[in-house]
């Protein structure tokens, strides 16, 4: 979404989300986002999720994003460690399994 808001690629640094009601399947929602501020590569963004028919606020979020170039992704792909047993070390740690 940031690509559309600011016209540049960005990665998430921090994202805080508040839910005020359940987000239901097969229910149309409206999403709105605004660029709150920009300082260099740092972007502060605020977003809302509203039920389409009632306009009821279902969730809101505040985030901090960092503008990056395409090289951020292509360089990272070249530095990735080879997978072992279908997982890499990062995925093991993220899932709480720290044993080799």
N, C-alpha and C. Protein backbone atom coordinates (compact mmCIF):
# COMPACT_ATOMS: atom_id res chain seq x y z
N UNK A 1 0.82 -1.19 0.00
CA UNK A 1 0.00 0.00 0.00
C UNK A 1 0.86 1.26 0.00
N UNK A 2 2.02 1.22 0.67
CA UNK A 2 2.87 2.40 0.70
C UNK A 2 3.34 2.80 -0.68
N UNK A 3 3.54 1.83 -1.54
CA UNK A 3 3.95 2.14 -2.90
C UNK A 3 2.94 3.10 -3.53
N UNK A 4 1.66 2.91 -3.23
CA UNK A 4 0.62 3.76 -3.79
C UNK A 4 0.52 5.09 -3.06
N UNK A 5 0.77 5.10 -1.75
CA UNK A 5 0.63 6.33 -0.97
C UNK A 5 1.76 7.30 -1.26
N UNK A 6 3.02 6.82 -1.28
CA UNK A 6 4.16 7.71 -1.46
C UNK A 6 4.90 7.51 -2.76
N UNK A 7 4.57 6.46 -3.51
CA UNK A 7 5.23 6.23 -4.78
C UNK A 7 6.60 5.60 -4.67
N UNK A 8 6.92 5.02 -3.50
CA UNK A 8 8.22 4.38 -3.29
C UNK A 8 8.02 3.09 -2.51
N UNK A 9 8.98 2.16 -2.66
CA UNK A 9 8.94 0.92 -1.90
C UNK A 9 9.41 1.20 -0.47
N UNK A 10 8.80 0.50 0.48
CA UNK A 10 9.20 0.67 1.88
C UNK A 10 9.00 -0.65 2.61
N UNK A 11 9.75 -0.81 3.68
CA UNK A 11 9.62 -1.99 4.53
C UNK A 11 9.10 -1.56 5.90
N UNK A 12 8.45 -2.49 6.57
CA UNK A 12 7.85 -2.21 7.87
C UNK A 12 8.92 -2.22 8.95
N UNK A 13 8.98 -1.18 9.73
CA UNK A 13 9.88 -1.10 10.89
C UNK A 13 9.10 -1.40 12.16
N UNK A 14 7.88 -0.83 12.25
CA UNK A 14 7.03 -1.04 13.42
C UNK A 14 5.58 -0.90 12.97
N UNK A 15 4.70 -1.75 13.50
CA UNK A 15 3.28 -1.69 13.14
C UNK A 15 2.45 -2.03 14.38
N UNK A 16 1.61 -1.09 14.79
CA UNK A 16 0.72 -1.29 15.93
C UNK A 16 -0.71 -1.28 15.41
N UNK A 17 -1.45 -2.33 15.73
CA UNK A 17 -2.82 -2.47 15.24
C UNK A 17 -3.77 -2.61 16.42
N UNK A 18 -4.88 -1.88 16.38
CA UNK A 18 -5.95 -1.98 17.37
C UNK A 18 -7.20 -2.49 16.68
N UNK A 19 -7.80 -3.53 17.25
CA UNK A 19 -9.04 -4.07 16.72
C UNK A 19 -10.18 -3.68 17.64
N UNK A 20 -11.25 -3.15 17.07
CA UNK A 20 -12.40 -2.70 17.84
C UNK A 20 -13.60 -3.63 17.68
N UNK A 21 -13.54 -4.49 16.68
CA UNK A 21 -14.61 -5.46 16.41
C UNK A 21 -14.00 -6.59 15.59
N UNK A 22 -14.66 -7.73 15.57
CA UNK A 22 -14.14 -8.83 14.74
C UNK A 22 -14.11 -8.45 13.26
N UNK A 23 -13.09 -8.91 12.57
CA UNK A 23 -12.98 -8.74 11.12
C UNK A 23 -13.49 -10.05 10.52
N UNK A 24 -14.63 -9.99 9.86
CA UNK A 24 -15.34 -11.17 9.40
C UNK A 24 -15.03 -11.52 7.95
N UNK A 25 -15.05 -12.80 7.67
CA UNK A 25 -14.90 -13.26 6.29
C UNK A 25 -16.14 -12.89 5.49
N UNK A 26 -15.97 -12.71 4.20
CA UNK A 26 -17.08 -12.44 3.26
C UNK A 26 -17.83 -11.16 3.61
N UNK A 27 -17.15 -10.21 4.24
CA UNK A 27 -17.73 -8.91 4.58
C UNK A 27 -16.90 -7.84 3.90
N UNK A 28 -17.53 -6.96 3.12
CA UNK A 28 -16.75 -5.91 2.45
C UNK A 28 -16.30 -4.83 3.43
N UNK A 29 -15.04 -4.43 3.29
CA UNK A 29 -14.46 -3.38 4.13
C UNK A 29 -13.83 -2.30 3.27
N UNK A 30 -13.71 -1.12 3.83
CA UNK A 30 -13.01 -0.01 3.19
C UNK A 30 -11.72 0.23 3.96
N UNK A 31 -10.62 0.38 3.24
CA UNK A 31 -9.33 0.64 3.86
C UNK A 31 -8.87 2.03 3.44
N UNK A 32 -8.46 2.82 4.40
CA UNK A 32 -7.92 4.14 4.11
C UNK A 32 -6.59 4.31 4.80
N UNK A 33 -5.65 4.99 4.16
CA UNK A 33 -4.34 5.22 4.76
C UNK A 33 -3.87 6.62 4.43
N UNK A 34 -3.16 7.22 5.37
CA UNK A 34 -2.62 8.56 5.20
C UNK A 34 -1.17 8.59 5.64
N UNK A 35 -0.38 9.33 4.91
CA UNK A 35 1.00 9.60 5.31
C UNK A 35 0.95 10.72 6.35
N UNK A 36 1.30 10.40 7.59
CA UNK A 36 1.26 11.37 8.67
C UNK A 36 2.48 12.29 8.61
N UNK A 37 3.66 11.71 8.41
CA UNK A 37 4.87 12.52 8.29
C UNK A 37 5.95 11.75 7.56
N UNK A 38 6.90 12.49 7.03
CA UNK A 38 8.06 11.90 6.38
C UNK A 38 9.29 12.67 6.80
N UNK A 39 10.28 11.93 7.31
CA UNK A 39 11.56 12.51 7.69
C UNK A 39 12.63 11.67 7.02
N UNK A 40 13.20 12.18 5.95
CA UNK A 40 14.18 11.40 5.19
C UNK A 40 13.53 10.14 4.64
N UNK A 41 14.04 8.99 5.02
CA UNK A 41 13.49 7.71 4.56
C UNK A 41 12.42 7.18 5.50
N UNK A 42 12.22 7.81 6.64
CA UNK A 42 11.24 7.35 7.63
C UNK A 42 9.84 7.87 7.30
N UNK A 43 8.88 6.96 7.22
CA UNK A 43 7.49 7.31 6.92
C UNK A 43 6.60 6.90 8.09
N UNK A 44 5.82 7.81 8.59
CA UNK A 44 4.81 7.48 9.60
C UNK A 44 3.46 7.45 8.89
N UNK A 45 2.77 6.33 9.03
CA UNK A 45 1.52 6.12 8.31
C UNK A 45 0.43 5.72 9.29
N UNK A 46 -0.79 6.17 9.04
CA UNK A 46 -1.95 5.80 9.84
C UNK A 46 -2.99 5.21 8.88
N UNK A 47 -3.66 4.14 9.33
CA UNK A 47 -4.67 3.49 8.48
C UNK A 47 -5.90 3.13 9.30
N UNK A 48 -7.02 3.00 8.60
CA UNK A 48 -8.28 2.58 9.22
C UNK A 48 -8.96 1.52 8.36
N UNK A 49 -9.66 0.63 9.02
CA UNK A 49 -10.47 -0.39 8.36
C UNK A 49 -11.90 -0.19 8.84
N UNK A 50 -12.81 0.05 7.89
CA UNK A 50 -14.22 0.29 8.23
C UNK A 50 -15.11 -0.68 7.48
N UNK A 51 -16.18 -1.11 8.15
CA UNK A 51 -17.18 -1.93 7.46
C UNK A 51 -17.82 -1.08 6.38
N UNK A 52 -17.94 -1.63 5.21
CA UNK A 52 -18.40 -0.84 4.06
C UNK A 52 -19.82 -0.33 4.23
N UNK A 53 -20.73 -1.15 4.70
CA UNK A 53 -22.14 -0.74 4.75
C UNK A 53 -22.45 0.21 5.91
N UNK A 54 -21.84 0.01 7.07
CA UNK A 54 -22.16 0.83 8.25
C UNK A 54 -21.14 1.92 8.53
N UNK A 55 -19.98 1.84 7.88
CA UNK A 55 -18.86 2.76 8.14
C UNK A 55 -18.30 2.61 9.56
N UNK A 56 -18.67 1.53 10.24
CA UNK A 56 -18.18 1.27 11.60
C UNK A 56 -16.68 1.00 11.57
N UNK A 57 -15.95 1.68 12.46
CA UNK A 57 -14.51 1.48 12.56
C UNK A 57 -14.23 0.13 13.19
N UNK A 58 -13.55 -0.73 12.45
CA UNK A 58 -13.27 -2.09 12.89
C UNK A 58 -11.84 -2.21 13.41
N UNK A 59 -10.90 -1.51 12.78
CA UNK A 59 -9.50 -1.56 13.20
C UNK A 59 -8.78 -0.30 12.75
N UNK A 60 -7.73 0.03 13.47
CA UNK A 60 -6.86 1.13 13.05
C UNK A 60 -5.42 0.70 13.30
N UNK A 61 -4.50 1.35 12.59
CA UNK A 61 -3.10 1.00 12.73
C UNK A 61 -2.23 2.23 12.55
N UNK A 62 -1.12 2.24 13.26
CA UNK A 62 -0.07 3.25 13.10
C UNK A 62 1.20 2.50 12.80
N UNK A 63 1.94 2.97 11.81
CA UNK A 63 3.15 2.27 11.44
C UNK A 63 4.30 3.19 11.11
N UNK A 64 5.49 2.65 11.28
CA UNK A 64 6.71 3.32 10.87
C UNK A 64 7.35 2.45 9.79
N UNK A 65 7.63 3.04 8.66
CA UNK A 65 8.18 2.34 7.51
C UNK A 65 9.45 3.04 7.06
N UNK A 66 10.32 2.30 6.38
CA UNK A 66 11.57 2.85 5.88
C UNK A 66 11.62 2.63 4.37
N UNK A 67 11.84 3.71 3.62
CA UNK A 67 11.94 3.64 2.16
C UNK A 67 13.22 2.90 1.80
N UNK A 68 13.11 1.96 0.86
CA UNK A 68 14.25 1.19 0.39
C UNK A 68 14.25 1.16 -1.13
N UNK A 69 15.37 0.71 -1.68
CA UNK A 69 15.46 0.53 -3.13
C UNK A 69 15.24 -0.94 -3.44
N UNK A 70 15.11 -1.25 -4.69
CA UNK A 70 14.95 -2.64 -5.12
C UNK A 70 16.15 -3.48 -4.68
N UNK A 71 17.33 -2.88 -4.61
CA UNK A 71 18.53 -3.60 -4.19
C UNK A 71 18.38 -4.18 -2.79
N UNK A 72 17.59 -3.56 -1.96
CA UNK A 72 17.35 -4.08 -0.61
C UNK A 72 16.85 -5.52 -0.67
N UNK A 73 15.98 -5.79 -1.63
CA UNK A 73 15.40 -7.13 -1.76
C UNK A 73 16.30 -8.07 -2.55
N UNK A 74 16.90 -7.57 -3.61
CA UNK A 74 17.72 -8.44 -4.44
C UNK A 74 19.02 -8.81 -3.73
N UNK A 75 19.62 -7.88 -3.00
CA UNK A 75 20.84 -8.18 -2.25
C UNK A 75 20.55 -9.16 -1.13
N UNK A 76 19.42 -9.00 -0.45
CA UNK A 76 19.05 -9.90 0.65
C UNK A 76 18.83 -11.32 0.13
N UNK A 77 18.27 -11.44 -1.06
CA UNK A 77 18.03 -12.77 -1.62
C UNK A 77 19.34 -13.48 -1.91
N UNK A 78 20.35 -12.75 -2.33
CA UNK A 78 21.65 -13.34 -2.62
C UNK A 78 22.41 -13.74 -1.37
N UNK A 79 22.09 -13.12 -0.22
CA UNK A 79 22.78 -13.41 1.03
C UNK A 79 22.08 -14.47 1.87
N UNK A 80 20.93 -14.93 1.44
CA UNK A 80 20.17 -15.90 2.22
C UNK A 80 20.96 -17.19 2.36
N UNK A 81 20.90 -17.76 3.57
CA UNK A 81 21.62 -19.03 3.80
C UNK A 81 20.83 -20.16 3.17
N UNK A 82 21.53 -21.23 2.76
CA UNK A 82 20.81 -22.35 2.16
C UNK A 82 19.89 -23.01 3.18
N UNK A 83 18.76 -23.46 2.71
CA UNK A 83 17.77 -24.09 3.59
C UNK A 83 18.22 -25.47 4.00
N UNK A 84 17.89 -25.84 5.24
CA UNK A 84 18.15 -27.18 5.75
C UNK A 84 16.81 -27.79 6.12
N UNK A 85 16.53 -28.92 5.55
CA UNK A 85 15.26 -29.61 5.83
C UNK A 85 14.06 -28.71 5.55
N UNK A 86 14.17 -27.88 4.54
CA UNK A 86 13.04 -27.04 4.14
C UNK A 86 12.86 -25.78 4.97
N UNK A 87 13.76 -25.51 5.94
CA UNK A 87 13.66 -24.32 6.76
C UNK A 87 15.02 -23.66 6.85
N UNK A 88 15.02 -22.36 7.08
CA UNK A 88 16.29 -21.71 7.37
C UNK A 88 16.32 -21.34 8.85
N UNK A 89 17.45 -20.88 9.35
CA UNK A 89 17.59 -20.59 10.77
C UNK A 89 16.61 -19.54 11.24
N UNK A 90 16.31 -18.53 10.41
CA UNK A 90 15.38 -17.48 10.80
C UNK A 90 13.99 -18.04 11.04
N UNK A 91 13.55 -18.97 10.19
CA UNK A 91 12.20 -19.51 10.36
C UNK A 91 12.13 -20.36 11.61
N UNK A 92 13.19 -21.07 11.93
CA UNK A 92 13.20 -21.88 13.16
C UNK A 92 13.08 -20.99 14.39
N UNK A 93 13.87 -19.90 14.40
CA UNK A 93 13.85 -19.01 15.55
C UNK A 93 12.48 -18.34 15.68
N UNK A 94 11.91 -17.91 14.55
CA UNK A 94 10.61 -17.26 14.59
C UNK A 94 9.53 -18.18 15.11
N UNK A 95 9.68 -19.48 14.90
CA UNK A 95 8.68 -20.43 15.36
C UNK A 95 9.02 -20.99 16.73
N UNK A 96 10.09 -20.48 17.36
CA UNK A 96 10.43 -20.89 18.69
C UNK A 96 11.25 -22.17 18.76
N UNK A 97 11.64 -22.74 17.63
CA UNK A 97 12.44 -23.95 17.60
C UNK A 97 13.88 -23.56 17.34
N UNK A 98 14.66 -23.45 18.39
CA UNK A 98 16.05 -22.97 18.26
C UNK A 98 17.04 -24.08 18.14
N UNK A 99 16.60 -25.32 18.11
CA UNK A 99 17.51 -26.46 18.00
C UNK A 99 17.80 -26.77 16.55
N UNK A 100 19.06 -27.14 16.22
CA UNK A 100 19.40 -27.45 14.83
C UNK A 100 18.68 -28.66 14.30
